[in-house]
Each structure stands twice: as C-alpha cells, then as structure tokens.
C-alpha atoms as a PDB file:
ATOM      1  CA  UNK A   1      15.048  -7.505   0.404  1.00  0.00           C
ATOM      2  CA  UNK A   2      15.057  -6.268   3.995  1.00  0.00           C
ATOM      3  CA  UNK A   3      14.028  -8.486   6.813  1.00  0.00           C
ATOM      4  CA  UNK A   4      10.803  -7.858   8.534  1.00  0.00           C
ATOM      5  CA  UNK A   5      10.552  -7.355  11.975  1.00  0.00           C
ATOM      6  CA  UNK A   6       9.401  -5.212  15.040  1.00  0.00           C
ATOM      7  CA  UNK A   7      12.335  -2.868  14.323  1.00  0.00           C
ATOM      8  CA  UNK A   8      11.903  -2.784  10.497  1.00  0.00           C
ATOM      9  CA  UNK A   9      11.107   0.527   8.481  1.00  0.00           C
ATOM     10  CA  UNK A  10       7.629  -1.334   7.428  1.00  0.00           C
ATOM     11  CA  UNK A  11       6.592  -1.768  11.119  1.00  0.00           C
ATOM     12  CA  UNK A  12       7.803   1.485  12.068  1.00  0.00           C
ATOM     13  CA  UNK A  13       5.745   2.986   9.608  1.00  0.00           C
ATOM     14  CA  UNK A  14       2.693   1.427   9.967  1.00  0.00           C
ATOM     15  CA  UNK A  15       2.603   2.159  13.621  1.00  0.00           C
ATOM     16  CA  UNK A  16       3.463   5.856  13.247  1.00  0.00           C
ATOM     17  CA  UNK A  17       0.925   6.070  10.470  1.00  0.00           C
ATOM     18  CA  UNK A  18      -1.864   4.685  12.971  1.00  0.00           C
ATOM     19  CA  UNK A  19      -0.805   7.220  15.307  1.00  0.00           C
ATOM     20  CA  UNK A  20      -0.899   9.954  13.122  1.00  0.00           C
ATOM     21  CA  UNK A  21      -3.706   9.065  11.358  1.00  0.00           C
ATOM     22  CA  UNK A  22      -5.936   9.001  14.715  1.00  0.00           C
ATOM     23  CA  UNK A  23      -4.395  12.152  16.342  1.00  0.00           C
ATOM     24  CA  UNK A  24      -5.046  14.211  13.015  1.00  0.00           C
ATOM     25  CA  UNK A  25      -8.895  12.696  12.320  1.00  0.00           C
ATOM     26  CA  UNK A  26      -9.496  13.053  16.353  1.00  0.00           C
ATOM     27  CA  UNK A  27      -8.695  16.559  16.122  1.00  0.00           C
ATOM     28  CA  UNK A  28     -10.506  17.337  13.221  1.00  0.00           C
ATOM     29  CA  UNK A  29     -13.219  16.118  14.239  1.00  0.00           C
ATOM     30  CA  UNK A  30     -13.307  17.543  17.940  1.00  0.00           C
ATOM     31  CA  UNK A  31     -12.324  21.147  16.546  1.00  0.00           C
ATOM     32  CA  UNK A  32     -14.424  21.298  13.424  1.00  0.00           C
ATOM     33  CA  UNK A  33     -16.781  18.670  12.453  1.00  0.00           C
ATOM     34  CA  UNK A  34     -18.582  18.045  15.871  1.00  0.00           C
ATOM     35  CA  UNK A  35     -19.066  21.770  16.963  1.00  0.00           C
ATOM     36  CA  UNK A  36     -20.131  22.610  13.110  1.00  0.00           C
ATOM     37  CA  UNK A  37     -22.308  19.674  13.201  1.00  0.00           C
ATOM     38  CA  UNK A  38     -23.856  20.522  16.281  1.00  0.00           C
ATOM     39  CA  UNK A  39     -24.492  24.214  15.910  1.00  0.00           C
ATOM     40  CA  UNK A  40     -26.057  23.185  12.510  1.00  0.00           C
ATOM     41  CA  UNK A  41     -28.453  20.620  14.287  1.00  0.00           C
ATOM     42  CA  UNK A  42     -29.301  23.478  16.636  1.00  0.00           C
ATOM     43  CA  UNK A  43     -30.108  25.706  13.978  1.00  0.00           C
ATOM     44  CA  UNK A  44     -32.560  23.244  12.624  1.00  0.00           C
ATOM     45  CA  UNK A  45     -34.149  22.401  15.647  1.00  0.00           C
ATOM     46  CA  UNK A  46     -34.837  25.852  16.257  1.00  0.00           C
ATOM     47  CA  UNK A  47     -35.953  26.657  12.421  1.00  0.00           C
ATOM     48  CA  UNK A  48     -38.372  23.308  13.240  1.00  0.00           C
ATOM     49  CA  UNK A  49     -39.767  24.844  15.841  1.00  0.00           C
ATOM     50  CA  UNK A  50     -40.825  28.043  14.174  1.00  0.00           C
ATOM     51  CA  UNK A  51     -42.490  26.149  11.519  1.00  0.00           C
ATOM     52  CA  UNK A  52     -45.479  24.628  13.175  1.00  0.00           C
ATOM     53  CA  UNK A  53     -47.246  23.755   9.718  1.00  0.00           C
ATOM     54  CA  UNK A  54     -44.329  21.292   9.178  1.00  0.00           C
ATOM     55  CA  UNK A  55     -43.422  22.626   6.119  1.00  0.00           C
ATOM     56  CA  UNK A  56     -38.993  22.514   6.923  1.00  0.00           C
ATOM     57  CA  UNK A  57     -36.098  21.667   4.945  1.00  0.00           C
ATOM     58  CA  UNK A  58     -33.424  21.222   7.399  1.00  0.00           C
ATOM     59  CA  UNK A  59     -30.096  22.393   6.406  1.00  0.00           C
ATOM     60  CA  UNK A  60     -27.704  19.973   5.170  1.00  0.00           C
ATOM     61  CA  UNK A  61     -23.800  19.410   5.726  1.00  0.00           C
ATOM     62  CA  UNK A  62     -20.753  17.395   5.357  1.00  0.00           C
ATOM     63  CA  UNK A  63     -19.873  17.637   9.071  1.00  0.00           C
ATOM     64  CA  UNK A  64     -23.725  16.306   9.950  1.00  0.00           C
ATOM     65  CA  UNK A  65     -22.827  13.438   7.463  1.00  0.00           C
ATOM     66  CA  UNK A  66     -19.109  12.743   9.196  1.00  0.00           C
ATOM     67  CA  UNK A  67     -20.527  13.386  12.710  1.00  0.00           C
ATOM     68  CA  UNK A  68     -20.788   9.950  13.897  1.00  0.00           C
ATOM     69  CA  UNK A  69     -18.123   7.749  15.554  1.00  0.00           C
ATOM     70  CA  UNK A  70     -18.638   5.054  12.674  1.00  0.00           C
ATOM     71  CA  UNK A  71     -17.604   7.651   9.940  1.00  0.00           C
ATOM     72  CA  UNK A  72     -14.857   8.640  12.412  1.00  0.00           C
ATOM     73  CA  UNK A  73     -13.458   5.208  12.358  1.00  0.00           C
ATOM     74  CA  UNK A  74     -13.571   4.739   8.814  1.00  0.00           C
ATOM     75  CA  UNK A  75     -11.569   7.874   8.282  1.00  0.00           C
ATOM     76  CA  UNK A  76      -8.792   6.869  10.373  1.00  0.00           C
ATOM     77  CA  UNK A  77      -8.550   3.333   8.637  1.00  0.00           C
ATOM     78  CA  UNK A  78      -8.580   5.261   5.407  1.00  0.00           C
ATOM     79  CA  UNK A  79      -6.040   7.987   6.210  1.00  0.00           C
ATOM     80  CA  UNK A  80      -3.892   4.907   7.604  1.00  0.00           C
ATOM     81  CA  UNK A  81      -3.853   3.085   4.474  1.00  0.00           C
ATOM     82  CA  UNK A  82      -3.121   6.049   2.298  1.00  0.00           C
ATOM     83  CA  UNK A  83       0.156   6.629   4.641  1.00  0.00           C
ATOM     84  CA  UNK A  84       1.077   2.826   4.202  1.00  0.00           C
ATOM     85  CA  UNK A  85       0.297   3.220   0.640  1.00  0.00           C
ATOM     86  CA  UNK A  86       2.613   6.464  -0.076  1.00  0.00           C
ATOM     87  CA  UNK A  87       5.396   4.561   1.673  1.00  0.00           C
ATOM     88  CA  UNK A  88       4.645   1.955  -0.747  1.00  0.00           C
ATOM     89  CA  UNK A  89       5.371   4.003  -3.782  1.00  0.00           C
ATOM     90  CA  UNK A  90       7.972   5.557  -2.579  1.00  0.00           C
ATOM     91  CA  UNK A  91      10.004   2.413  -2.025  1.00  0.00           C
ATOM     92  CA  UNK A  92       8.666   1.440  -5.764  1.00  0.00           C
ATOM     93  CA  UNK A  93      10.311   4.992  -7.212  1.00  0.00           C
ATOM     94  CA  UNK A  94      13.431   4.094  -5.107  1.00  0.00           C
ATOM     95  CA  UNK A  95      13.723   0.289  -6.623  1.00  0.00           C
ATOM     96  CA  UNK A  96      13.247   2.204 -10.100  1.00  0.00           C
ATOM     97  CA  UNK A  97      16.256   4.376  -9.395  1.00  0.00           C
ATOM     98  CA  UNK A  98      18.466   1.409  -9.300  1.00  0.00           C
ATOM     99  CA  UNK A  99      18.258   0.881 -13.059  1.00  0.00           C
ATOM    100  CA  UNK A 100      20.454   3.991 -13.576  1.00  0.00           C
ATOM    101  CA  UNK A 101      23.143   2.431 -11.336  1.00  0.00           C
ATOM    102  CA  UNK A 102      26.325   0.424 -13.041  1.00  0.00           C
ATOM    103  CA  UNK A 103      26.678  -2.573 -11.251  1.00  0.00           C
ATOM    104  CA  UNK A 104      29.296  -4.356 -13.370  1.00  0.00           C
ATOM    105  CA  UNK A 105      32.179  -2.226 -15.062  1.00  0.00           C
ATOM    106  CA  UNK A 106      32.383  -4.242 -18.121  1.00  0.00           C
ATOM    107  CA  UNK A 107      33.765  -3.243 -21.406  1.00  0.00           C
ATOM    108  CA  UNK A 108      32.515  -3.294 -24.476  1.00  0.00           C
ATOM    109  CA  UNK A 109      32.869  -6.764 -26.121  1.00  0.00           C
ATOM    110  CA  UNK A 110      33.642  -8.025 -22.678  1.00  0.00           C
ATOM    111  CA  UNK A 111      32.080 -11.074 -21.350  1.00  0.00           C
ATOM    112  CA  UNK A 112      30.675 -12.767 -18.163  1.00  0.00           C
ATOM    113  CA  UNK A 113      32.574 -16.419 -18.094  1.00  0.00           C
ATOM    114  CA  UNK A 114      32.246 -18.866 -15.262  1.00  0.00           C
ATOM    115  CA  UNK A 115      35.829 -18.095 -13.902  1.00  0.00           C
ATOM    116  CA  UNK A 116      35.244 -14.692 -13.409  1.00  0.00           C
ATOM    117  CA  UNK A 117      31.407 -15.030 -11.743  1.00  0.00           C
ATOM    118  CA  UNK A 118      32.584 -15.048  -8.142  1.00  0.00           C
ATOM    119  CA  UNK A 119      34.972 -12.121  -8.987  1.00  0.00           C
ATOM    120  CA  UNK A 120      31.945  -9.851 -10.621  1.00  0.00           C
ATOM    121  CA  UNK A 121      29.634 -11.542  -7.416  1.00  0.00           C
ATOM    122  CA  UNK A 122      32.181  -9.937  -4.938  1.00  0.00           C
ATOM    123  CA  UNK A 123      32.137  -6.763  -6.897  1.00  0.00           C
ATOM    124  CA  UNK A 124      28.348  -6.317  -6.687  1.00  0.00           C
ATOM    125  CA  UNK A 125      28.356  -7.683  -2.932  1.00  0.00           C
ATOM    126  CA  UNK A 126      30.972  -4.791  -2.059  1.00  0.00           C
ATOM    127  CA  UNK A 127      28.850  -2.041  -3.654  1.00  0.00           C
ATOM    128  CA  UNK A 128      25.683  -3.032  -1.768  1.00  0.00           C
ATOM    129  CA  UNK A 129      27.758  -2.665   1.535  1.00  0.00           C
ATOM    130  CA  UNK A 130      29.275   0.431   0.696  1.00  0.00           C
ATOM    131  CA  UNK A 131      26.667   2.217  -0.479  1.00  0.00           C
ATOM    132  CA  UNK A 132      23.471   2.529   1.518  1.00  0.00           C
ATOM    133  CA  UNK A 133      20.741   3.158  -0.953  1.00  0.00           C
ATOM    134  CA  UNK A 134      21.584  -0.137  -2.577  1.00  0.00           C
ATOM    135  CA  UNK A 135      21.216  -1.966   0.286  1.00  0.00           C
ATOM    136  CA  UNK A 136      17.779  -4.233   0.361  1.00  0.00           C
ATOM    137  CA  UNK A 137      16.861  -3.382  -3.252  1.00  0.00           C
ATOM    138  CA  UNK A 138      15.805  -5.950  -5.474  1.00  0.00           C
ATOM    139  CA  UNK A 139      18.015  -5.615  -8.575  1.00  0.00           C
ATOM    140  CA  UNK A 140      21.199  -6.126  -6.705  1.00  0.00           C
ATOM    141  CA  UNK A 141      20.075  -9.010  -5.053  1.00  0.00           C
ATOM    142  CA  UNK A 142      18.867 -10.653  -8.433  1.00  0.00           C
ATOM    143  CA  UNK A 143      22.046  -9.775  -9.936  1.00  0.00           C
ATOM    144  CA  UNK A 144      23.861 -11.422  -7.099  1.00  0.00           C
ATOM    145  CA  UNK A 145      21.655 -14.646  -7.355  1.00  0.00           C
ATOM    146  CA  UNK A 146      22.617 -14.841 -11.246  1.00  0.00           C
ATOM    147  CA  UNK A 147      26.275 -14.276 -10.724  1.00  0.00           C
ATOM    148  CA  UNK A 148      26.200 -17.014  -7.536  1.00  0.00           C
ATOM    149  CA  UNK A 149      24.165 -19.519  -9.744  1.00  0.00           C
ATOM    150  CA  UNK A 150      26.708 -19.136 -13.040  1.00  0.00           C
ATOM    151  CA  UNK A 151      29.517 -19.588 -10.666  1.00  0.00           C
ATOM    152  CA  UNK A 152      28.159 -22.663  -8.943  1.00  0.00           C
ATOM    153  CA  UNK A 153      26.526 -24.175 -12.302  1.00  0.00           C
ATOM    154  CA  UNK A 154      28.472 -22.692 -15.177  1.00  0.00           C
ATOM    155  CA  UNK A 155      25.274 -22.547 -17.131  1.00  0.00           C
ATOM    156  CA  UNK A 156      23.718 -19.495 -18.456  1.00  0.00           C
ATOM    157  CA  UNK A 157      20.093 -21.209 -18.333  1.00  0.00           C
ATOM    158  CA  UNK A 158      20.621 -21.757 -14.629  1.00  0.00           C
ATOM    159  CA  UNK A 159      21.309 -18.305 -13.971  1.00  0.00           C
ATOM    160  CA  UNK A 160      18.490 -17.049 -16.164  1.00  0.00           C
ATOM    161  CA  UNK A 161      16.138 -19.433 -13.932  1.00  0.00           C
ATOM    162  CA  UNK A 162      17.891 -17.811 -10.663  1.00  0.00           C
ATOM    163  CA  UNK A 163      16.750 -14.318 -11.779  1.00  0.00           C
ATOM    164  CA  UNK A 164      13.223 -15.434 -13.006  1.00  0.00           C
ATOM    165  CA  UNK A 165      13.032 -17.043  -9.450  1.00  0.00           C
ATOM    166  CA  UNK A 166      14.193 -14.069  -7.646  1.00  0.00           C
ATOM    167  CA  UNK A 167      11.982 -11.800  -9.037  1.00  0.00           C
ATOM    168  CA  UNK A 168       8.982 -14.098  -8.213  1.00  0.00           C
ATOM    169  CA  UNK A 169      10.578 -14.205  -4.946  1.00  0.00           C
ATOM    170  CA  UNK A 170      10.308 -10.300  -4.360  1.00  0.00           C
ATOM    171  CA  UNK A 171       6.823 -10.137  -6.234  1.00  0.00           C
ATOM    172  CA  UNK A 172       5.597 -12.649  -3.851  1.00  0.00           C
ATOM    173  CA  UNK A 173       6.954 -10.491  -0.623  1.00  0.00           C
ATOM    174  CA  UNK A 174       5.716  -7.256  -2.281  1.00  0.00           C
ATOM    175  CA  UNK A 175       2.224  -8.949  -2.520  1.00  0.00           C
ATOM    176  CA  UNK A 176       2.499 -10.190   1.110  1.00  0.00           C
ATOM    177  CA  UNK A 177       3.397  -6.458   2.055  1.00  0.00           C
ATOM    178  CA  UNK A 178      -0.197  -5.356   1.130  1.00  0.00           C
ATOM    179  CA  UNK A 179      -2.130  -7.654   3.587  1.00  0.00           C
ATOM    180  CA  UNK A 180      -2.897  -5.052   5.786  1.00  0.00           C
ATOM    181  CA  UNK A 181      -3.443  -2.484   2.957  1.00  0.00           C
ATOM    182  CA  UNK A 182      -6.340  -5.199   1.642  1.00  0.00           C
ATOM    183  CA  UNK A 183      -7.359  -5.986   5.584  1.00  0.00           C
ATOM    184  CA  UNK A 184      -8.152  -2.228   6.128  1.00  0.00           C
ATOM    185  CA  UNK A 185     -10.294  -2.365   2.643  1.00  0.00           C
ATOM    186  CA  UNK A 186     -12.175  -4.759   3.936  1.00  0.00           C
ATOM    187  CA  UNK A 187     -12.585  -3.052   6.999  1.00  0.00           C
ATOM    188  CA  UNK A 188     -13.979   0.086   6.010  1.00  0.00           C
ATOM    189  CA  UNK A 189     -17.134  -1.291   4.686  1.00  0.00           C
ATOM    190  CA  UNK A 190     -17.304  -3.750   7.827  1.00  0.00           C
ATOM    191  CA  UNK A 191     -17.452  -0.692  10.158  1.00  0.00           C
ATOM    192  CA  UNK A 192     -19.658   1.139   8.013  1.00  0.00           C
ATOM    193  CA  UNK A 193     -22.352  -1.841   7.977  1.00  0.00           C
ATOM    194  CA  UNK A 194     -21.704  -1.655  11.884  1.00  0.00           C
ATOM    195  CA  UNK A 195     -23.197   1.837  11.800  1.00  0.00           C
ATOM    196  CA  UNK A 196     -25.923   0.851   9.555  1.00  0.00           C
ATOM    197  CA  UNK A 197     -27.003  -1.884  12.237  1.00  0.00           C
ATOM    198  CA  UNK A 198     -26.771   0.319  14.879  1.00  0.00           C
ATOM    199  CA  UNK A 199     -29.090   3.191  13.223  1.00  0.00           C
ATOM    200  CA  UNK A 200     -31.427   0.730  12.163  1.00  0.00           C
ATOM    201  CA  UNK A 201     -31.903  -0.901  15.489  1.00  0.00           C
ATOM    202  CA  UNK A 202     -31.677   2.587  17.336  1.00  0.00           C
ATOM    203  CA  UNK A 203     -34.849   3.690  14.707  1.00  0.00           C
ATOM    204  CA  UNK A 204     -36.413   0.414  15.714  1.00  0.00           C
ATOM    205  CA  UNK A 205     -36.574   1.189  19.525  1.00  0.00           C
ATOM    206  CA  UNK A 206     -37.944   4.683  18.793  1.00  0.00           C
ATOM    207  CA  UNK A 207     -40.559   3.306  16.741  1.00  0.00           C
ATOM    208  CA  UNK A 208     -43.279   4.103  19.660  1.00  0.00           C
ATOM    209  CA  UNK A 209     -42.542   7.767  19.582  1.00  0.00           C
ATOM    210  CA  UNK A 210     -42.843   7.557  15.392  1.00  0.00           C
ATOM    211  CA  UNK A 211     -46.174   6.244  15.937  1.00  0.00           C
ATOM    212  CA  UNK A 212     -47.285   9.248  18.630  1.00  0.00           C
ATOM    213  CA  UNK A 213     -45.868  11.646  15.999  1.00  0.00           C
ATOM    214  CA  UNK A 214     -42.459  12.366  16.822  1.00  0.00           C
ATOM    215  CA  UNK A 215     -40.420  11.243  14.037  1.00  0.00           C
ATOM    216  CA  UNK A 216     -36.956  13.089  15.022  1.00  0.00           C
ATOM    217  CA  UNK A 217     -35.399  10.447  16.792  1.00  0.00           C
ATOM    218  CA  UNK A 218     -36.151   7.923  13.978  1.00  0.00           C
ATOM    219  CA  UNK A 219     -34.849  10.294  11.285  1.00  0.00           C
ATOM    220  CA  UNK A 220     -31.719  10.602  13.205  1.00  0.00           C
ATOM    221  CA  UNK A 221     -31.040   6.796  13.649  1.00  0.00           C
ATOM    222  CA  UNK A 222     -31.672   6.101  10.066  1.00  0.00           C
ATOM    223  CA  UNK A 223     -29.305   9.169   9.112  1.00  0.00           C
ATOM    224  CA  UNK A 224     -26.529   7.419  10.885  1.00  0.00           C
ATOM    225  CA  UNK A 225     -27.416   4.123   9.089  1.00  0.00           C
ATOM    226  CA  UNK A 226     -27.193   5.583   5.449  1.00  0.00           C
ATOM    227  CA  UNK A 227     -24.480   8.129   6.050  1.00  0.00           C
ATOM    228  CA  UNK A 228     -22.210   5.469   7.780  1.00  0.00           C
ATOM    229  CA  UNK A 229     -22.463   3.266   4.621  1.00  0.00           C
ATOM    230  CA  UNK A 230     -22.251   5.773   2.363  1.00  0.00           C
ATOM    231  CA  UNK A 231     -19.036   7.084   3.685  1.00  0.00           C
ATOM    232  CA  UNK A 232     -17.629   3.936   3.879  1.00  0.00           C
ATOM    233  CA  UNK A 233     -18.541   2.854   0.700  1.00  0.00           C
ATOM    234  CA  UNK A 234     -17.087   5.652  -0.931  1.00  0.00           C
ATOM    235  CA  UNK A 235     -13.855   5.335   0.784  1.00  0.00           C
ATOM    236  CA  UNK A 236     -13.667   1.702   0.154  1.00  0.00           C
ATOM    237  CA  UNK A 237     -13.839   2.537  -3.440  1.00  0.00           C
ATOM    238  CA  UNK A 238     -11.339   5.172  -3.403  1.00  0.00           C
ATOM    239  CA  UNK A 239      -8.775   2.874  -1.442  1.00  0.00           C
ATOM    240  CA  UNK A 240      -9.711  -0.004  -3.917  1.00  0.00           C
ATOM    241  CA  UNK A 241      -8.274   2.165  -6.766  1.00  0.00           C
ATOM    242  CA  UNK A 242      -5.340   3.038  -4.912  1.00  0.00           C
ATOM    243  CA  UNK A 243      -4.218  -0.308  -3.760  1.00  0.00           C
ATOM    244  CA  UNK A 244      -5.138  -1.381  -7.777  1.00  0.00           C
ATOM    245  CA  UNK A 245      -2.480   1.261  -8.810  1.00  0.00           C
ATOM    246  CA  UNK A 246       0.241   0.174  -6.511  1.00  0.00           C
ATOM    247  CA  UNK A 247      -0.061  -3.234  -7.613  1.00  0.00           C
ATOM    248  CA  UNK A 248       0.111  -2.358 -10.949  1.00  0.00           C
ATOM    249  CA  UNK A 249       3.168  -0.650 -10.301  1.00  0.00           C
ATOM    250  CA  UNK A 250       4.608  -2.953  -8.471  1.00  0.00           C
ATOM    251  CA  UNK A 251       4.330  -5.543 -11.500  1.00  0.00           C
ATOM    252  CA  UNK A 252       5.644  -3.305 -13.522  1.00  0.00           C
ATOM    253  CA  UNK A 253       8.616  -3.043 -11.450  1.00  0.00           C
ATOM    254  CA  UNK A 254       9.414  -6.706 -11.406  1.00  0.00           C
ATOM    255  CA  UNK A 255       8.884  -7.008 -14.739  1.00  0.00           C
ATOM    256  CA  UNK A 256      11.657  -4.049 -15.634  1.00  0.00           C
ATOM    257  CA  UNK A 257      13.855  -5.609 -13.028  1.00  0.00           C
ATOM    258  CA  UNK A 258      13.713  -9.003 -14.583  1.00  0.00           C
ATOM    259  CA  UNK A 259      14.059  -7.420 -17.954  1.00  0.00           C
ATOM    260  CA  UNK A 260      17.098  -5.060 -16.624  1.00  0.00           C
ATOM    261  CA  UNK A 261      18.962  -8.477 -14.738  1.00  0.00           C
ATOM    262  CA  UNK A 262      18.128 -10.306 -18.289  1.00  0.00           C
ATOM    263  CA  UNK A 263      20.152  -7.793 -20.727  1.00  0.00           C
ATOM    264  CA  UNK A 264      22.907  -6.529 -18.259  1.00  0.00           C
ATOM    265  CA  UNK A 265      24.050  -9.836 -16.889  1.00  0.00           C
ATOM    266  CA  UNK A 266      22.391 -12.763 -18.368  1.00  0.00           C
ATOM    267  CA  UNK A 267      22.955 -11.487 -21.995  1.00  0.00           C
ATOM    268  CA  UNK A 268      26.762 -10.873 -21.327  1.00  0.00           C
ATOM    269  CA  UNK A 269      27.547 -14.319 -20.140  1.00  0.00           C
ATOM    270  CA  UNK A 270      29.462 -16.855 -22.243  1.00  0.00           C
ATOM    271  CA  UNK A 271      30.674 -20.463 -21.427  1.00  0.00           C
ATOM    272  CA  UNK A 272      33.859 -20.980 -23.357  1.00  0.00           C
ATOM    273  CA  UNK A 273      33.618 -24.014 -25.978  1.00  0.00           C
ATOM    274  CA  UNK A 274      36.011 -26.853 -25.148  1.00  0.00           C
ATOM    275  CA  UNK A 275      38.772 -25.576 -27.833  1.00  0.00           C
ATOM    276  CA  UNK A 276      38.558 -22.242 -26.403  1.00  0.00           C
ATOM    277  CA  UNK A 277      39.128 -23.775 -23.199  1.00  0.00           C
ATOM    278  CA  UNK A 278      41.987 -26.010 -24.394  1.00  0.00           C
ATOM    279  CA  UNK A 279      43.573 -22.888 -26.059  1.00  0.00           C
ATOM    280  CA  UNK A 280      43.125 -20.776 -22.718  1.00  0.00           C
ATOM    281  CA  UNK A 281      44.690 -23.647 -20.686  1.00  0.00           C
ATOM    282  CA  UNK A 282      47.868 -23.978 -23.044  1.00  0.00           C
END
C-alpha cells in the first residue's frame, strides 16, 4: 500500500475535507439557519406578548434546534467524517476492480515452479510500474509477496503463509486508517455533552429570573442543553452505522484478495519431485 505522509492522498483528502466541511456548514448557518431561527424567535416573542394569559405554543423548526454553536461543530465533524468515509469506500471499490486484471500470463495446464518464480515476480513488478492504477494496491503486493517467498524458500506452504501475512498487514493498515473517523465518532457526542453542560449551567444562572416569573431565559438554556444532546446522539448513531458498513466492506475485500491470490497464484505453484528434477537436468 502507499506510504503515509504529509503529501499522501489520505492526508490531502483529510485536510481538504475539513476545510470544505467548515466552509460549507458555516455558510449554511450564516445564510440560512441563523437568519431563519432568528425570525422564528422574534415571531414567537411577538406572539407571546400578544397572549397575556400565557396560553401560547411557540413555533418549532429544525433551524431553531440547530442554531447553537455546538450543533454547528457537530455538523462540521459529521460532514468531515462522511467525506473521509466516501473516500475510503472509493478506495475499496478501486481495490475490488483489481480482480479483473490478469497479473500472471499462464497458459492452461502450466504451473509455476520455483525456477520461474523470479521471472513471474519481475513480470508483475513491471506491470505495477507501468500501469498507474495498479500502484499501491493490495492484490499485486500480495501476489509479489507470494512469488518472492516461493522463489526464496521453494515451498508452496511458505508462499501461502506469505499471502496470509501480507493480507493481514493490509487489513491492519485499513483499520489504522479509520482511527480519525473513530475519533470523530467519539468527538461528536462529546461536543453535544459540552452543549448540555453549558445549557444547564446557563439555566441555573438564570434561576433568580425564573423565581420572579420570567422563565424565558431558563427555557432557552434548557433548549440548548437538550437540542445539542439530541443532535449529537443522532449524528453519532448515523456515523457509527457508516463506519460499520465500511469495516464490513474492508473485511470482505481482504477475504476476497486472499482467496484470489490463493486460487490464481498458490494454486498454480508446483515443486518438481526429485525424479522430475533429475529428468529435466539430464
């Protein structure tokens, strides 16, 4: 797989994804959510003043639920995570497309013997260098690992172990690449909890006004507390579902790659018997 670094495609996608998420979500808040929420609150305030008996049901809207900064932060994190997950899915689909490529040009009935393993290794390595879409992919690296081990040890069993080891390394790398998404999935409920704490603390700070009969400040602060928790938990549930689907797809990918390498490479390997070696030598 491709090396990680500050100029790697993964890092670029993560950085650009964060910037895009901030710009898009903040723009939606600035030009739609905050103005609409403010208009609704003003309308509710006017209608409440026109009902001195206190019988008034305020107008509800999604914009009012989303108006606070905690919800803004949660949506930015959610969009960032979704951009990363979409990128990971495209990588999985790209890896799956490798199954259609014929890496080894072997005729029917032909077998890979230890003496030819190095030549096949160079052939696959040449394809990876010449064809851009093969670079950094898991399947060709697994095949190269199997051929290299077969050339070095002349053992089919060792070559099969090489396939398993390389596939396991690739799976561990895919799991490691999800660390940022898992952190975001943890951070979203945490940001929501911060909103809950802030709302409750603000409500307690306005307890004196509530005792005097003005409960508008308390209800607004409690609305912040409950709305931030509601949005954060809702986004977290959706994000964890996407992470689960991505992990399932990655596990299936590794299983398929190991199966393909076993059928197309390990299954074609053959170690000549001593009699066959003697005949070929003579």
